Amino acid sequence: MLDAFPPLANLVHKGPIVFAFDFGRYLAAAALVTAIVWVLRRTQLRTRKIQPREATSADRRREVAQSVQTVGVYTFVSAFIIWGVDAGMLHRFEGSYGWAGDLALLGAIILAHDAYFYWVHRAMHHPRLFKTFHRAHHRSITPTPWAAYSFAIPEAFVMIAFVPIWLFFVATPGWVMLTWILFQILRNAMGHAGFELHPRWWLSTPLARWINTTTHHDLHHSGGFNKNYGLYFTWWDKWMGTEHPRYAERFAEVVAADRETSAEPARPVPAAA
């Protein structure tokens, strides 16, 4: 019976492995970033906490519960992706394009995913879509690394859809896909850390300023609801005029060396129009 519907067979036979791997990488990334933040908050860098508010235990439980739900969606879709690869509809590539070619392809998938994320993320903020797709994620006003996969079911389907779209067009070596998905979840957890992890000179250099910081995405959750949609890079927000006008100023406040733990909390960031 299962053989008559290969995706169901994949879900039964390979689903537990896929779920364990996907949940494992989420757990590892979120736990790693949480541990780093825990350590840094006990050093002179403790003033890099972005918001005065502390996330609650209830916030974390909700984020983890929704992330488990997201991993379930990813596992379900993966059964169809495996079937698509086996059926030849999606590209399978067991070889290599050489180190230069593979690294170029890794860069390409990161760039493509960043563009995909920006536009679907921005679309999900449309009033007609927000409640169904994205409101669950924005319940994390003070996000933690555990919010990395904290999506509603419809949003989870949108997020995983990038994988079959990419594999439909591009034959990608397995190690490139693996490296990307590990990079993706780690950067996602960093973006929700609630604590600035990047050097204070980050926005002062020609190249680094195009790479996202924790403050950039934290502003999206805490005050810039219709700003800062980007995932890995800031260029789409800069090009499309959706970067929060106080981003550079707020980053400078967070990383300022003379900030003291006894100082008054930073003033709330006004919502950008």
Protein backbone atom coordinates (compact mmCIF):
# COMPACT_ATOMS: atom_id res chain seq x y z
CA MET A 1 0.00 0.00 0.00
CA LEU A 2 2.77 2.42 0.92
CA ASP A 3 4.61 1.65 -2.32
CA ALA A 4 1.60 2.94 -4.25
CA PHE A 5 2.21 6.41 -2.84
CA PRO A 6 5.96 7.02 -2.50
CA PRO A 7 5.72 10.27 -0.48
CA LEU A 8 3.77 8.42 2.21
CA ALA A 9 6.34 5.63 2.19
CA ASN A 10 9.10 8.21 2.59
CA LEU A 11 7.22 9.83 5.46
CA VAL A 12 6.85 6.51 7.27
CA HIS A 13 10.31 5.10 6.61
CA LYS A 14 12.48 8.23 6.48
CA GLY A 15 10.33 10.75 8.31
CA PRO A 16 11.64 9.95 11.81
CA ILE A 17 15.23 10.36 10.62
CA VAL A 18 14.45 13.62 8.84
CA PHE A 19 12.58 14.93 11.89
CA ALA A 20 15.41 13.99 14.24
CA PHE A 21 18.01 15.66 12.02
CA ASP A 22 16.01 18.84 11.47
CA PHE A 23 15.01 19.18 15.09
CA GLY A 24 18.56 18.35 16.12
CA ARG A 25 20.07 21.15 14.08
CA TYR A 26 17.47 23.61 15.39
CA LEU A 27 18.16 22.47 18.95
CA ALA A 28 21.94 22.65 18.50
CA ALA A 29 21.91 26.12 16.93
CA ALA A 30 19.46 27.62 19.42
CA ALA A 31 21.25 26.04 22.39
CA LEU A 32 24.66 27.17 21.14
CA VAL A 33 23.58 30.79 20.67
CA THR A 34 21.73 30.72 24.01
CA ALA A 35 24.89 29.47 25.73
CA ILE A 36 27.04 32.14 24.09
CA VAL A 37 24.63 34.86 25.17
CA TRP A 38 24.50 33.43 28.71
CA VAL A 39 28.29 33.62 28.96
CA LEU A 40 28.60 37.08 27.40
CA ARG A 41 25.95 38.51 29.71
CA ARG A 42 28.32 37.69 32.57
CA THR A 43 31.16 39.71 31.07
CA GLN A 44 31.79 43.39 30.34
CA LEU A 45 29.79 42.89 27.13
CA ARG A 46 26.58 42.41 29.11
CA THR A 47 25.38 45.85 28.01
CA ARG A 48 24.89 44.49 24.50
CA LYS A 49 21.44 43.21 25.42
CA ILE A 50 19.25 44.98 22.88
CA GLN A 51 15.92 45.36 24.72
CA PRO A 52 15.33 46.18 28.40
CA ARG A 53 12.54 43.61 28.50
CA GLU A 54 13.41 40.00 29.32
CA ALA A 55 11.77 37.16 27.43
CA THR A 56 9.73 34.98 29.78
CA SER A 57 9.69 31.22 30.23
CA ALA A 58 6.27 31.24 28.59
CA ASP A 59 7.79 33.00 25.57
CA ARG A 60 10.45 30.31 25.24
CA ARG A 61 7.97 27.46 25.64
CA ARG A 62 5.80 28.94 22.91
CA GLU A 63 8.79 29.42 20.61
CA VAL A 64 9.95 25.84 21.10
CA ALA A 65 6.44 24.42 20.65
CA GLN A 66 5.93 26.33 17.41
CA SER A 67 9.40 25.30 16.22
CA VAL A 68 8.58 21.63 16.80
CA GLN A 69 5.45 22.20 14.72
CA THR A 70 7.60 23.76 11.98
CA VAL A 71 9.98 20.79 11.98
CA GLY A 72 6.92 18.57 11.53
CA VAL A 73 5.94 20.57 8.43
CA TYR A 74 9.50 20.39 7.11
CA THR A 75 9.49 16.62 7.61
CA PHE A 76 6.21 16.26 5.74
CA VAL A 77 7.44 18.35 2.80
CA SER A 78 10.77 16.51 2.81
CA ALA A 79 8.91 13.28 2.02
CA PHE A 80 7.72 14.89 -1.21
CA ILE A 81 11.16 16.37 -1.92
CA ILE A 82 12.75 12.92 -1.62
CA TRP A 83 10.09 11.52 -3.93
CA GLY A 84 10.70 14.35 -6.41
CA VAL A 85 14.42 13.62 -6.43
CA ASP A 86 13.85 9.88 -6.86
CA ALA A 87 11.38 10.55 -9.69
CA GLY A 88 13.83 12.84 -11.48
CA MET A 89 11.66 15.95 -11.09
CA LEU A 90 14.20 17.53 -8.75
CA HIS A 91 17.93 17.43 -9.37
CA ARG A 92 20.12 14.88 -7.63
CA PHE A 93 23.88 15.43 -7.81
CA GLU A 94 26.23 13.05 -6.05
CA GLY A 95 29.44 14.53 -7.44
CA SER A 96 31.25 17.83 -7.17
CA TYR A 97 31.95 20.82 -9.36
CA GLY A 98 35.36 21.14 -7.73
CA TRP A 99 36.08 23.30 -4.70
CA ALA A 100 35.75 26.56 -6.58
CA GLY A 101 32.52 25.50 -8.25
CA ASP A 102 31.01 24.12 -5.06
CA LEU A 103 31.88 27.24 -3.07
CA ALA A 104 30.43 29.44 -5.81
CA LEU A 105 27.25 27.37 -5.67
CA LEU A 106 27.12 27.72 -1.89
CA GLY A 107 27.35 31.47 -2.31
CA ALA A 108 24.63 31.36 -4.94
CA ILE A 109 22.17 29.44 -2.75
CA ILE A 110 22.78 31.85 0.13
CA LEU A 111 22.14 34.84 -2.14
CA ALA A 112 19.05 33.22 -3.66
CA HIS A 113 17.63 32.26 -0.28
CA ASP A 114 18.20 35.76 1.05
CA ALA A 115 16.26 37.23 -1.89
CA TYR A 116 13.48 34.65 -1.51
CA PHE A 117 13.22 35.31 2.22
CA TYR A 118 13.08 39.09 1.82
CA TRP A 119 10.21 39.02 -0.65
CA VAL A 120 8.08 36.31 0.96
CA HIS A 121 8.68 37.86 4.38
CA ARG A 122 7.61 41.25 3.11
CA ALA A 123 4.57 39.72 1.40
CA MET A 124 3.50 38.01 4.64
CA HIS A 125 3.33 41.44 6.27
CA HIS A 126 0.50 42.41 3.94
CA PRO A 127 -2.62 42.96 6.08
CA ARG A 128 -4.52 40.23 4.20
CA LEU A 129 -1.78 37.66 4.83
CA PHE A 130 -0.27 38.61 8.16
CA LYS A 131 -2.77 36.99 10.52
CA THR A 132 -2.69 33.62 8.76
CA PHE A 133 1.00 33.42 7.93
CA HIS A 134 3.16 35.56 10.16
CA ARG A 135 1.41 36.74 13.31
CA ALA A 136 2.54 33.67 15.26
CA HIS A 137 6.19 34.56 14.72
CA HIS A 138 5.65 38.16 15.80
CA ARG A 139 4.30 37.08 19.15
CA SER A 140 8.00 37.11 20.03
CA ILE A 141 8.38 40.83 20.70
CA THR A 142 11.57 40.11 22.61
CA PRO A 143 12.82 37.14 20.60
CA THR A 144 15.23 34.47 21.78
CA PRO A 145 17.27 31.99 19.73
CA TRP A 146 14.42 29.51 20.23
CA ALA A 147 12.26 31.67 17.94
CA ALA A 148 14.33 30.66 14.91
CA TYR A 149 11.64 28.24 13.68
CA SER A 150 8.69 29.70 15.56
CA PHE A 151 6.27 29.80 12.64
CA ALA A 152 2.60 29.15 12.02
CA ILE A 153 1.96 26.12 9.80
CA PRO A 154 1.27 28.19 6.63
CA GLU A 155 4.49 30.16 7.10
CA ALA A 156 6.46 26.96 7.62
CA PHE A 157 5.25 25.71 4.22
CA VAL A 158 6.33 29.00 2.63
CA MET A 159 9.78 28.76 4.21
CA ILE A 160 10.49 25.17 3.19
CA ALA A 161 9.21 25.81 -0.35
CA PHE A 162 12.54 27.38 -1.26
CA VAL A 163 14.23 23.96 -1.18
CA PRO A 164 12.21 22.21 -3.93
CA ILE A 165 12.23 25.41 -6.00
CA TRP A 166 16.02 25.54 -5.82
CA LEU A 167 16.46 21.82 -6.53
CA PHE A 168 14.12 22.05 -9.51
CA PHE A 169 16.53 24.43 -11.21
CA VAL A 170 19.96 23.62 -9.78
CA ALA A 171 21.75 20.29 -9.33
CA THR A 172 23.46 20.81 -5.99
CA PRO A 173 26.06 18.60 -4.26
CA GLY A 174 24.91 17.17 -0.96
CA TRP A 175 27.64 18.82 1.09
CA VAL A 176 26.66 22.22 -0.32
CA MET A 177 23.03 21.71 0.71
CA LEU A 178 24.11 20.48 4.14
CA THR A 179 26.44 23.44 4.68
CA TRP A 180 23.72 25.86 3.65
CA ILE A 181 21.04 24.43 5.96
CA LEU A 182 23.45 24.46 8.91
CA PHE A 183 24.50 28.02 8.09
CA GLN A 184 20.87 29.04 7.70
CA ILE A 185 19.71 27.83 11.11
CA LEU A 186 22.75 29.27 12.89
CA ARG A 187 22.28 32.70 11.33
CA ASN A 188 18.56 32.50 12.11
CA ALA A 189 19.26 31.76 15.78
CA MET A 190 21.80 34.62 15.89
CA GLY A 191 19.25 37.01 14.42
CA HIS A 192 16.85 36.23 17.27
CA ALA A 193 19.47 36.25 20.04
CA GLY A 194 18.28 39.52 21.59
CA PHE A 195 21.95 40.30 22.19
CA GLU A 196 24.31 41.94 19.69
CA LEU A 197 27.00 39.44 18.71
CA HIS A 198 28.79 41.45 16.03
CA PRO A 199 31.86 43.68 16.55
CA ARG A 200 31.26 47.37 17.19
CA TRP A 201 33.03 48.29 13.92
CA TRP A 202 30.63 46.15 11.86
CA LEU A 203 28.72 48.99 10.21
CA SER A 204 31.86 51.03 9.57
CA THR A 205 33.40 48.72 6.97
CA PRO A 206 32.47 48.62 3.27
CA LEU A 207 31.65 44.90 3.22
CA ALA A 208 30.47 43.98 6.72
CA ARG A 209 27.78 46.67 6.74
CA TRP A 210 25.91 44.65 4.11
CA ILE A 211 25.74 41.64 6.43
CA ASN A 212 22.86 41.50 8.88
CA THR A 213 23.28 41.98 12.61
CA THR A 214 21.14 40.88 15.52
CA THR A 215 20.08 44.49 16.11
CA HIS A 216 18.81 44.72 12.54
CA HIS A 217 16.31 41.89 12.98
CA ASP A 218 15.53 42.75 16.60
CA LEU A 219 14.28 46.14 15.42
CA HIS A 220 11.86 44.30 13.14
CA HIS A 221 10.37 42.52 16.15
CA SER A 222 10.41 45.38 18.64
CA GLY A 223 9.70 48.60 16.79
CA GLY A 224 10.19 48.39 13.04
CA PHE A 225 7.34 46.08 12.15
CA ASN A 226 7.34 47.15 8.49
CA LYS A 227 11.10 47.50 8.27
CA ASN A 228 14.16 45.22 8.18
CA TYR A 229 12.82 42.19 6.32
CA GLY A 230 16.24 40.80 5.31
CA LEU A 231 17.73 37.53 6.57
CA TYR A 232 21.48 37.37 5.86
CA PHE A 233 22.12 40.72 4.21
CA THR A 234 20.88 44.29 4.40
CA TRP A 235 20.98 45.20 0.72
CA TRP A 236 17.38 44.38 -0.14
CA ASP A 237 16.21 46.61 2.70
CA LYS A 238 18.57 49.37 1.56
CA TRP A 239 17.59 49.06 -2.11
CA MET A 240 13.85 48.86 -1.40
CA GLY A 241 13.80 51.59 1.24
CA THR A 242 12.67 49.26 4.01
CA GLU A 243 15.63 49.58 6.36
CA HIS A 244 14.75 51.10 9.74
CA PRO A 245 15.95 54.73 9.78
CA ARG A 246 17.40 54.29 13.27
CA TYR A 247 19.26 51.05 12.55
CA ALA A 248 22.81 52.46 12.56
CA GLU A 249 22.04 54.69 15.54
CA ARG A 250 20.52 51.83 17.53
CA PHE A 251 23.41 49.50 16.70
CA ALA A 252 25.86 52.15 17.93
CA GLU A 253 23.88 52.51 21.17
CA VAL A 254 23.92 48.77 21.78
CA VAL A 255 27.66 48.29 21.22
CA ALA A 256 28.86 51.56 22.80
CA ALA A 257 31.78 50.79 25.10
CA ASP A 258 30.77 53.38 27.71
CA ARG A 259 27.35 51.92 28.36
CA GLU A 260 26.94 50.85 31.96
CA THR A 261 24.63 48.19 33.32
CA SER A 262 23.34 50.75 35.79
CA ALA A 263 22.33 53.18 33.07
CA GLU A 264 18.73 53.83 32.28
CA PRO A 265 17.25 51.40 29.74
CA ALA A 266 17.52 52.52 26.16
CA ARG A 267 14.47 54.45 25.04
CA PRO A 268 11.96 52.40 23.05
CA VAL A 269 12.54 52.46 19.34
CA PRO A 270 9.67 54.26 17.61
CA ALA A 271 7.88 52.29 14.96
CA ALA A 272 9.02 53.30 11.51
CA ALA A 273 6.36 54.42 9.11
